[in-house]
Amino acid sequence: MLRTNLLVRWFVGLPLTQGGPEHSTLADFHAYLTSHAADSFFQDVLRFLDHLDPEDPAATPQIVDTFAMESPVAASPTVAHLLAHLTLRLARLWLTHAPAAHQSALPPLDLGALAVLPYARTTVARHQRLQAVVAVVGWVVDGLTPHLPALDTSLREAVQAYLGALAKVLSDELSTDACGYLTERPASDRGEHRLASAVDIDATFRKHDGSPAVLGSNAVISTTASRIRAAVALTGSIPDSEAPIVALAQQRDADLPLPPHIVMDQAGGWGKTRARIDGVSAGQTTMVAWVPRSGGSDPNRFSVADFHIDADRTTCTCPGGVVSTKAYASGDGDGVYFRFLASQCRGCAHWFACRDAEAKPNGHRSVFISDYHARVLRHIPQWTAGMRSLSVLMALECQTAEDESHFICPK
C-alpha cells in the first residue's frame, strides 16, 4: 500500500516520487506490531477471511473453549524471593529509563543481594530474611511513588505495574500480628490470582481437578467451523466461566456483529454466566451449555431442580410436599438459603433420597436458590428434574417383576 496507495503515502508523509521502505524495514515494523499491536493483525486477518470466504457472523453460532498456556518461567521458591526479584527488576527499570533528575529517588540498594538471597537454614532465619526484604520493599516504594507524575506515560505505567505487583504480593501472602511482626498467611487464607514469578507478573496458577497446577495463562478461543472469531489470554486463575463473556466483549469492542448462539461445556451453563452474556450482548446472544450440577451433589439424590420455588422466592416446596418459609440471605453468594427443620422432615419417605447417608437425624436440610434460578430452569426441559425424582423413587419403592421385564410401583 505504501507503493501504490496515494492516500496512505500522504498520511505517512512519503513524497510522491520517493520509493517505499525496503523489505528489511518493513520486516522490522511487522515484527514490532506483532508484539505491540497483535489485535490489529488479528482483525486484519479476520477481515481478509471474511472477504475471501464470506460468513455472516450474526447468523453463525460460535463454540468457545479454553486451554492452559504454561509460562516459560520458574516460580519463585519463597515469598521473600518473589518480593526481592520484583524489587530488583523495578530498580533496574528505574536506573535505565528514569530521567537523571529523578535517579536519586531510588534508595541505594545492593542489587546483588536482591538477586541472590542468602540461604536461610532455620525458621528464625527465614523470618528475619522476610522482614529484611519487606523493609527494602517499603523503602523503594516510598522513594519512587512521589515521582510518578513526572515520568512519561509508558515508563509511569511500567513502574506502576511493578508497584501494584509488590502491593498484591504483600496483601496476598503476608499478615501482620498485633506486635507488627510479619508472617506468611496459611495457604487457605491467601488471595485470589496469586503471583508467583517476577519475570511474568501476568501469570497465575490454573488448577484443574486431577491435574497439576500450571503457572501461566488461560487462553480463550471462540470459533466457527471455518475460523477463529475471538482470542483472549486471561491470567491462569480466571475461571472458565469467564471465557464466553470475554470472547463476546472482544467482538463487541471491535464493532463486530455478535453470534446468535455461543456454545460451551458446562462451565458456561451457570445462571450468572448466562445473565452476564445477556448483558454483554444486549440480548443478542444465547448461551448453549449443559446446566452443571451445583456443588457436586450426588446424582442419586434430590437437587435444587427438584424443589419448587414461588415467583417471589418466599416459599420453597420439597419433593415430599413440605413447605419452608425460612429464607436466609447468602453471605458469600447471589441468592438465598431455604431451611427445612429436622422436625419437618422426620418420618419422610424420601429422607435418604434427600439427605446424605451420613447426615445427622436432627440436622436441618438447606437448599440454596441462586438469583439466577429461574433463568437456569428456562434451559432445562420440563421433564428433566422429574426424571431424577422418578429414578430415586423407583430405586426406593418400586418392586421388580419376577421375570425382571418391568417395575411395579406401590400404586
Protein backbone atom coordinates (compact mmCIF):
# COMPACT_ATOMS: atom_id res chain seq x y z
CA MET A 1 0.00 0.00 0.00
CA LEU A 2 2.96 2.34 0.59
CA ARG A 3 3.95 1.81 -3.01
CA THR A 4 0.55 2.18 -4.68
CA ASN A 5 -1.93 3.97 -2.40
CA LEU A 6 -1.52 7.74 -2.64
CA LEU A 7 -3.67 8.37 0.43
CA VAL A 8 -1.51 6.10 2.56
CA ARG A 9 1.68 7.73 1.21
CA TRP A 10 0.31 11.16 2.07
CA PHE A 11 -0.79 10.02 5.54
CA VAL A 12 2.71 8.78 6.48
CA GLY A 13 4.44 11.76 4.86
CA LEU A 14 6.05 9.86 1.97
CA PRO A 15 6.69 12.13 -1.06
CA LEU A 16 5.06 11.18 -4.33
CA THR A 17 8.32 10.44 -6.15
CA GLN A 18 10.17 8.75 -3.27
CA GLY A 19 10.49 4.98 -3.15
CA GLY A 20 8.89 2.98 -0.36
CA PRO A 21 10.72 1.38 2.59
CA GLU A 22 12.89 -1.61 1.78
CA HIS A 23 11.92 -5.11 2.85
CA SER A 24 14.14 -5.15 5.95
CA THR A 25 12.45 -2.03 7.34
CA LEU A 26 9.01 -3.45 6.67
CA ALA A 27 10.01 -6.75 8.30
CA ASP A 28 11.19 -4.93 11.44
CA PHE A 29 7.95 -2.95 11.52
CA HIS A 30 5.91 -6.13 11.09
CA ALA A 31 7.77 -7.79 13.97
CA TYR A 32 7.22 -4.75 16.18
CA LEU A 33 3.49 -4.63 15.51
CA THR A 34 3.18 -8.37 16.05
CA SER A 35 4.40 -7.84 19.63
CA HIS A 36 2.76 -4.49 20.38
CA ALA A 37 -0.43 -4.50 18.30
CA ALA A 38 -1.37 -8.15 17.94
CA ASP A 39 -5.09 -7.30 17.89
CA SER A 40 -4.60 -5.19 14.76
CA PHE A 41 -3.10 -8.16 12.93
CA PHE A 42 -5.83 -10.49 14.19
CA GLN A 43 -8.60 -8.19 12.99
CA ASP A 44 -6.86 -7.66 9.65
CA VAL A 45 -6.62 -11.41 9.01
CA LEU A 46 -10.27 -11.84 10.06
CA ARG A 47 -11.39 -9.15 7.60
CA PHE A 48 -9.35 -10.84 4.88
CA LEU A 49 -11.01 -14.20 5.58
CA ASP A 50 -14.46 -12.61 5.56
CA HIS A 51 -13.66 -11.10 2.15
CA LEU A 52 -12.26 -14.36 0.79
CA ASP A 53 -14.85 -16.71 2.29
CA PRO A 54 -17.89 -14.70 3.45
CA GLU A 55 -19.53 -15.90 6.67
CA ASP A 56 -22.31 -13.95 8.34
CA PRO A 57 -21.17 -13.59 11.97
CA ALA A 58 -24.65 -12.50 13.05
CA ALA A 59 -26.12 -15.82 11.88
CA THR A 60 -23.28 -18.24 12.68
CA PRO A 61 -23.02 -19.88 16.14
CA GLN A 62 -19.64 -19.93 17.85
CA ILE A 63 -18.01 -22.56 20.05
CA VAL A 64 -15.87 -21.37 22.99
CA ASP A 65 -13.14 -23.38 24.67
CA THR A 66 -10.16 -22.73 26.93
CA PHE A 67 -6.74 -24.26 27.37
CA ALA A 68 -3.81 -23.66 29.68
CA MET A 69 -0.72 -21.92 28.31
CA GLU A 70 2.21 -22.51 30.63
CA SER A 71 4.50 -19.53 31.07
CA PRO A 72 8.19 -20.35 30.38
CA VAL A 73 9.31 -19.06 33.78
CA ALA A 74 10.07 -20.64 37.12
CA ALA A 75 8.02 -19.76 40.17
CA SER A 76 9.91 -18.05 42.98
CA PRO A 77 10.65 -20.54 45.77
CA THR A 78 9.54 -18.24 48.63
CA VAL A 79 7.65 -15.00 49.18
CA ALA A 80 10.93 -13.30 50.10
CA HIS A 81 12.48 -14.33 46.78
CA LEU A 82 9.44 -13.08 44.85
CA LEU A 83 9.49 -9.69 46.59
CA ALA A 84 13.25 -9.36 46.14
CA HIS A 85 13.13 -10.21 42.43
CA LEU A 86 10.24 -7.81 41.79
CA THR A 87 12.14 -5.04 43.59
CA LEU A 88 15.30 -5.83 41.63
CA ARG A 89 13.52 -5.58 38.27
CA LEU A 90 11.85 -2.34 39.35
CA ALA A 91 15.21 -0.87 40.40
CA ARG A 92 16.84 -1.84 37.10
CA LEU A 93 13.93 -0.30 35.17
CA TRP A 94 14.30 2.94 37.11
CA LEU A 95 18.08 3.12 36.70
CA THR A 96 17.80 2.51 32.97
CA HIS A 97 14.90 4.75 31.99
CA ALA A 98 14.15 7.32 34.70
CA PRO A 99 15.29 10.91 33.98
CA ALA A 100 18.61 11.92 35.52
CA ALA A 101 16.88 14.41 37.79
CA HIS A 102 14.92 11.58 39.42
CA GLN A 103 17.63 8.91 39.71
CA SER A 104 18.27 9.84 43.33
CA ALA A 105 14.69 8.85 44.22
CA LEU A 106 15.80 5.22 44.18
CA PRO A 107 17.37 4.37 47.55
CA PRO A 108 20.92 2.94 47.48
CA LEU A 109 20.43 -0.80 47.09
CA ASP A 110 22.68 -3.83 46.97
CA LEU A 111 21.30 -5.25 43.73
CA GLY A 112 23.48 -8.33 44.05
CA ALA A 113 21.91 -9.18 47.42
CA LEU A 114 18.44 -8.84 45.92
CA ALA A 115 19.38 -11.11 43.03
CA VAL A 116 20.76 -13.89 45.25
CA LEU A 117 19.22 -14.03 48.73
CA PRO A 118 21.29 -15.72 51.42
CA TYR A 119 20.28 -19.26 52.24
CA ALA A 120 18.14 -19.49 55.39
CA ARG A 121 18.78 -22.67 57.37
CA THR A 122 16.27 -22.17 60.18
CA THR A 123 12.74 -20.88 60.61
CA VAL A 124 14.06 -17.87 62.52
CA ALA A 125 16.50 -17.07 59.72
CA ARG A 126 13.71 -17.29 57.13
CA HIS A 127 11.56 -14.91 59.15
CA GLN A 128 14.44 -12.47 59.53
CA ARG A 129 15.15 -12.59 55.81
CA LEU A 130 11.49 -11.92 55.05
CA GLN A 131 11.42 -8.96 57.44
CA ALA A 132 14.54 -7.50 55.78
CA VAL A 133 13.16 -7.87 52.26
CA VAL A 134 9.82 -6.31 53.21
CA ALA A 135 11.68 -3.36 54.73
CA VAL A 136 13.59 -2.86 51.46
CA VAL A 137 10.33 -3.04 49.50
CA GLY A 138 8.79 -0.31 51.66
CA TRP A 139 11.92 1.79 51.27
CA VAL A 140 11.78 1.58 47.47
CA VAL A 141 8.02 2.13 47.21
CA ASP A 142 8.14 5.21 49.46
CA GLY A 143 11.06 6.62 47.46
CA LEU A 144 9.63 6.20 43.96
CA THR A 145 5.91 6.83 44.40
CA PRO A 146 6.08 10.68 44.78
CA HIS A 147 7.97 10.96 41.47
CA LEU A 148 5.49 9.03 39.29
CA PRO A 149 3.69 12.15 37.94
CA ALA A 150 7.00 13.42 36.48
CA LEU A 151 7.55 10.30 34.33
CA ASP A 152 6.40 9.86 30.75
CA THR A 153 3.33 7.71 30.24
CA SER A 154 4.99 4.45 29.17
CA LEU A 155 7.57 4.49 31.98
CA ARG A 156 4.97 5.50 34.57
CA GLU A 157 2.72 2.60 33.57
CA ALA A 158 5.63 0.14 33.74
CA VAL A 159 6.68 1.37 37.20
CA GLN A 160 3.08 1.30 38.44
CA ALA A 161 2.74 -2.30 37.24
CA TYR A 162 5.67 -3.35 39.46
CA LEU A 163 4.39 -1.28 42.39
CA GLY A 164 0.98 -2.93 42.00
CA ALA A 165 2.57 -6.38 41.88
CA LEU A 166 4.53 -5.70 45.07
CA ALA A 167 1.41 -4.46 46.84
CA LYS A 168 -0.54 -7.54 45.72
CA VAL A 169 2.11 -9.99 46.94
CA LEU A 170 2.29 -8.22 50.31
CA SER A 171 -1.51 -8.33 50.63
CA ASP A 172 -1.99 -11.91 49.39
CA GLU A 173 0.89 -13.65 51.10
CA LEU A 174 1.59 -11.83 54.37
CA SER A 175 -0.25 -10.72 57.50
CA THR A 176 0.80 -8.59 60.46
CA ASP A 177 0.17 -9.61 64.05
CA ALA A 178 -0.62 -7.28 66.96
CA CYS A 179 3.10 -6.70 67.57
CA GLY A 180 3.73 -5.64 63.97
CA TYR A 181 5.55 -8.86 63.11
CA LEU A 182 5.06 -10.18 59.57
CA THR A 183 4.11 -13.80 58.99
CA GLU A 184 3.13 -15.76 55.89
CA ARG A 185 -0.55 -16.50 55.52
CA PRO A 186 -1.71 -20.13 55.51
CA ALA A 187 -2.49 -21.50 52.07
CA SER A 188 -6.25 -21.37 52.72
CA ASP A 189 -6.12 -17.64 53.53
CA ARG A 190 -4.16 -16.33 50.54
CA GLY A 191 -5.69 -14.04 47.96
CA GLU A 192 -7.05 -14.94 44.55
CA HIS A 193 -4.96 -14.73 41.38
CA ARG A 194 -1.69 -15.11 43.31
CA LEU A 195 1.52 -14.02 41.60
CA ALA A 196 4.44 -16.44 41.57
CA SER A 197 7.04 -15.00 39.20
CA ALA A 198 8.74 -11.63 38.90
CA VAL A 199 9.51 -12.30 35.23
CA ASP A 200 5.87 -12.83 34.21
CA ILE A 201 3.66 -10.85 36.57
CA ASP A 202 0.59 -11.60 34.44
CA ALA A 203 0.87 -15.35 35.07
CA THR A 204 -1.11 -17.04 37.86
CA PHE A 205 -1.84 -20.66 38.71
CA ARG A 206 -4.54 -22.63 36.92
CA LYS A 207 -5.68 -25.80 38.66
CA HIS A 208 -7.95 -28.49 37.26
CA ASP A 209 -9.08 -31.43 39.38
CA GLY A 210 -6.74 -34.35 38.85
CA SER A 211 -4.09 -32.25 37.10
CA PRO A 212 -1.10 -30.35 38.46
CA ALA A 213 -1.32 -26.57 38.77
CA VAL A 214 0.02 -24.69 35.75
CA LEU A 215 1.58 -21.23 36.08
CA GLY A 216 0.61 -19.17 33.07
CA SER A 217 -2.44 -18.05 31.11
CA ASN A 218 -5.93 -19.34 30.48
CA ALA A 219 -6.30 -18.96 26.72
CA VAL A 220 -9.79 -18.48 25.27
CA ILE A 221 -10.80 -19.03 21.66
CA SER A 222 -14.21 -18.64 20.05
CA THR A 223 -14.56 -20.41 16.73
CA THR A 224 -16.92 -21.21 13.91
CA ALA A 225 -16.47 -24.14 11.54
CA SER A 226 -14.03 -22.14 9.42
CA ARG A 227 -12.21 -19.57 11.57
CA ILE A 228 -11.39 -18.16 14.99
CA ARG A 229 -13.60 -15.18 15.76
CA ALA A 230 -12.07 -14.16 19.09
CA ALA A 231 -8.90 -14.95 21.02
CA VAL A 232 -8.16 -13.72 24.54
CA ALA A 233 -5.41 -14.63 27.01
CA LEU A 234 -6.63 -14.38 30.60
CA THR A 235 -4.43 -14.92 33.61
CA GLY A 236 -4.34 -18.59 34.61
CA SER A 237 -6.55 -18.46 37.68
CA ILE A 238 -9.51 -16.84 35.91
CA PRO A 239 -12.29 -19.50 35.83
CA ASP A 240 -13.52 -20.96 32.56
CA SER A 241 -16.96 -19.41 33.11
CA GLU A 242 -15.43 -16.05 32.12
CA ALA A 243 -14.45 -17.35 28.67
CA PRO A 244 -17.69 -16.71 26.72
CA ILE A 245 -18.06 -13.26 28.28
CA VAL A 246 -14.59 -12.00 27.30
CA ALA A 247 -14.91 -13.56 23.83
CA LEU A 248 -18.14 -11.66 23.20
CA ALA A 249 -16.74 -8.47 24.74
CA GLN A 250 -13.75 -8.55 22.39
CA GLN A 251 -16.04 -8.80 19.37
CA ARG A 252 -18.37 -6.13 20.69
CA ASP A 253 -15.47 -3.72 21.32
CA ALA A 254 -14.27 -4.31 17.76
CA ASP A 255 -17.75 -3.35 16.47
CA LEU A 256 -18.29 -6.84 15.06
CA PRO A 257 -21.74 -8.48 14.84
CA LEU A 258 -22.33 -10.90 17.70
CA PRO A 259 -23.39 -14.53 17.14
CA PRO A 260 -26.94 -15.72 17.82
CA HIS A 261 -25.64 -18.60 19.99
CA ILE A 262 -22.43 -19.35 21.80
CA VAL A 263 -21.75 -22.99 22.71
CA MET A 264 -19.58 -24.23 25.58
CA ASP A 265 -19.21 -27.09 28.04
CA GLN A 266 -20.98 -26.89 31.39
CA ALA A 267 -18.57 -24.20 32.66
CA GLY A 268 -20.72 -21.81 30.64
CA GLY A 269 -24.01 -23.17 31.96
CA TRP A 270 -24.17 -21.35 35.28
CA GLY A 271 -27.03 -18.89 35.70
CA LYS A 272 -24.73 -15.99 36.48
CA THR A 273 -22.75 -16.63 33.29
CA ARG A 274 -25.93 -16.72 31.23
CA ALA A 275 -27.10 -13.44 32.77
CA ARG A 276 -23.78 -11.72 32.04
CA ILE A 277 -23.84 -12.95 28.44
CA ASP A 278 -27.28 -11.39 28.03
CA GLY A 279 -25.86 -8.14 29.37
CA VAL A 280 -22.68 -8.10 27.27
CA SER A 281 -24.57 -8.92 24.08
CA ALA A 282 -27.61 -6.77 24.87
CA GLY A 283 -29.75 -9.89 24.45
CA GLN A 284 -28.37 -10.79 21.02
CA THR A 285 -26.54 -13.97 22.10
CA THR A 286 -27.90 -17.05 23.88
CA MET A 287 -25.71 -19.44 25.86
CA VAL A 288 -25.96 -23.11 24.86
CA ALA A 289 -24.43 -25.34 27.55
CA TRP A 290 -25.28 -28.14 29.94
CA VAL A 291 -26.63 -26.89 33.25
CA PRO A 292 -24.00 -28.00 35.81
CA ARG A 293 -24.96 -29.83 38.95
CA SER A 294 -24.47 -27.44 41.84
CA GLY A 295 -21.95 -28.34 44.49
CA GLY A 296 -21.02 -31.70 43.00
CA SER A 297 -24.13 -33.23 44.55
CA ASP A 298 -24.87 -36.94 44.40
CA PRO A 299 -26.81 -37.69 41.17
CA ASN A 300 -28.93 -40.21 43.08
CA ARG A 301 -30.22 -37.56 45.47
CA PHE A 302 -32.61 -34.67 45.06
CA SER A 303 -31.01 -31.45 43.81
CA VAL A 304 -32.25 -27.87 43.70
CA ALA A 305 -34.11 -28.66 40.46
CA ASP A 306 -36.44 -30.97 42.42
CA PHE A 307 -37.61 -28.17 44.74
CA HIS A 308 -40.36 -25.73 43.74
CA ILE A 309 -39.81 -22.03 44.44
CA ASP A 310 -42.57 -19.46 44.18
CA ALA A 311 -42.08 -16.42 41.95
CA ASP A 312 -41.32 -14.11 44.90
CA ARG A 313 -38.88 -16.60 46.46
CA THR A 314 -40.77 -16.55 49.74
CA THR A 315 -41.62 -20.27 49.89
CA CYS A 316 -39.83 -23.45 48.89
CA THR A 317 -41.63 -26.76 48.50
CA CYS A 318 -39.69 -30.02 48.66
CA PRO A 319 -40.47 -33.14 46.58
CA GLY A 320 -42.34 -34.53 49.59
CA GLY A 321 -44.70 -31.56 49.70
CA VAL A 322 -43.22 -29.88 52.80
CA VAL A 323 -43.19 -26.08 52.56
CA SER A 324 -40.46 -23.90 54.08
CA THR A 325 -40.72 -20.15 54.55
CA LYS A 326 -37.42 -19.83 56.42
CA ALA A 327 -35.26 -17.94 53.91
CA TYR A 328 -31.81 -16.55 54.78
CA ALA A 329 -29.67 -14.31 52.61
CA SER A 330 -26.43 -15.92 51.46
CA GLY A 331 -23.33 -14.27 52.84
CA ASP A 332 -21.00 -15.29 50.04
CA GLY A 333 -23.24 -15.81 47.02
CA ASP A 334 -26.04 -14.31 44.98
CA GLY A 335 -29.11 -15.98 46.41
CA VAL A 336 -30.94 -17.25 49.50
CA TYR A 337 -30.99 -20.41 51.59
CA PHE A 338 -34.27 -22.14 52.48
CA ARG A 339 -34.11 -24.28 55.59
CA PHE A 340 -36.20 -27.35 56.33
CA LEU A 341 -36.17 -28.25 60.02
CA ALA A 342 -35.47 -31.82 61.07
CA SER A 343 -38.91 -31.91 62.71
CA GLN A 344 -40.48 -31.17 59.31
CA CYS A 345 -38.58 -33.98 57.62
CA ARG A 346 -38.72 -36.68 60.27
CA GLY A 347 -40.57 -39.74 59.01
CA CYS A 348 -40.47 -38.62 55.39
CA ALA A 349 -40.32 -41.49 52.89
CA HIS A 350 -37.79 -39.52 50.85
CA TRP A 351 -35.28 -38.98 53.68
CA PHE A 352 -32.45 -40.97 52.09
CA ALA A 353 -33.19 -39.58 48.63
CA CYS A 354 -32.92 -36.05 50.00
CA ARG A 355 -30.10 -36.24 52.54
CA ASP A 356 -26.62 -37.61 52.71
CA ALA A 357 -26.34 -41.08 54.17
CA GLU A 358 -24.16 -39.70 56.99
CA ALA A 359 -26.44 -36.74 57.78
CA LYS A 360 -27.42 -36.35 61.42
CA PRO A 361 -31.04 -37.28 62.17
CA ASN A 362 -31.57 -33.96 63.97
CA GLY A 363 -29.88 -31.85 61.31
CA HIS A 364 -31.60 -29.28 59.10
CA ARG A 365 -31.85 -29.54 55.31
CA SER A 366 -30.79 -26.37 53.46
CA VAL A 367 -31.43 -25.59 49.81
CA PHE A 368 -29.57 -22.74 48.09
CA ILE A 369 -31.60 -20.84 45.49
CA SER A 370 -29.48 -18.51 43.42
CA ASP A 371 -30.68 -15.22 41.98
CA TYR A 372 -30.44 -16.89 38.58
CA HIS A 373 -32.51 -19.97 39.44
CA ALA A 374 -35.44 -19.05 37.20
CA ARG A 375 -33.09 -18.25 34.32
CA VAL A 376 -31.43 -21.67 34.57
CA LEU A 377 -34.76 -23.51 34.74
CA ARG A 378 -35.71 -22.00 31.39
CA HIS A 379 -32.88 -24.03 29.85
CA ILE A 380 -33.96 -27.34 31.42
CA PRO A 381 -36.71 -29.42 29.74
CA GLN A 382 -39.76 -29.76 31.94
CA TRP A 383 -39.28 -33.48 32.45
CA THR A 384 -35.57 -33.38 33.37
CA ALA A 385 -35.92 -32.59 37.07
CA GLY A 386 -38.79 -35.04 37.45
CA MET A 387 -36.76 -37.87 35.93
CA ARG A 388 -34.25 -37.63 38.76
CA SER A 389 -37.00 -37.81 41.35
CA LEU A 390 -38.61 -40.71 39.49
CA SER A 391 -35.37 -42.67 39.33
CA VAL A 392 -34.81 -42.21 43.06
CA LEU A 393 -38.36 -43.26 43.93
CA MET A 394 -38.16 -46.28 41.67
CA ALA A 395 -35.00 -47.41 43.37
CA LEU A 396 -36.51 -46.96 46.82
CA GLU A 397 -40.13 -48.04 46.49
CA CYS A 398 -40.69 -49.98 43.27
CA GLN A 399 -40.52 -53.75 43.00
CA THR A 400 -39.09 -55.73 40.13
CA ALA A 401 -41.32 -58.25 38.39
CA GLU A 402 -40.32 -61.90 38.66
CA ASP A 403 -39.20 -62.05 35.03
CA GLU A 404 -37.33 -58.71 35.52
CA SER A 405 -39.11 -57.29 32.47
CA HIS A 406 -40.68 -54.32 34.25
CA PHE A 407 -41.12 -52.44 37.56
CA ILE A 408 -44.20 -52.43 39.75
CA CYS A 409 -44.79 -49.13 41.57
CA PRO A 410 -46.51 -49.03 45.01
CA LYS A 411 -49.75 -47.82 43.39
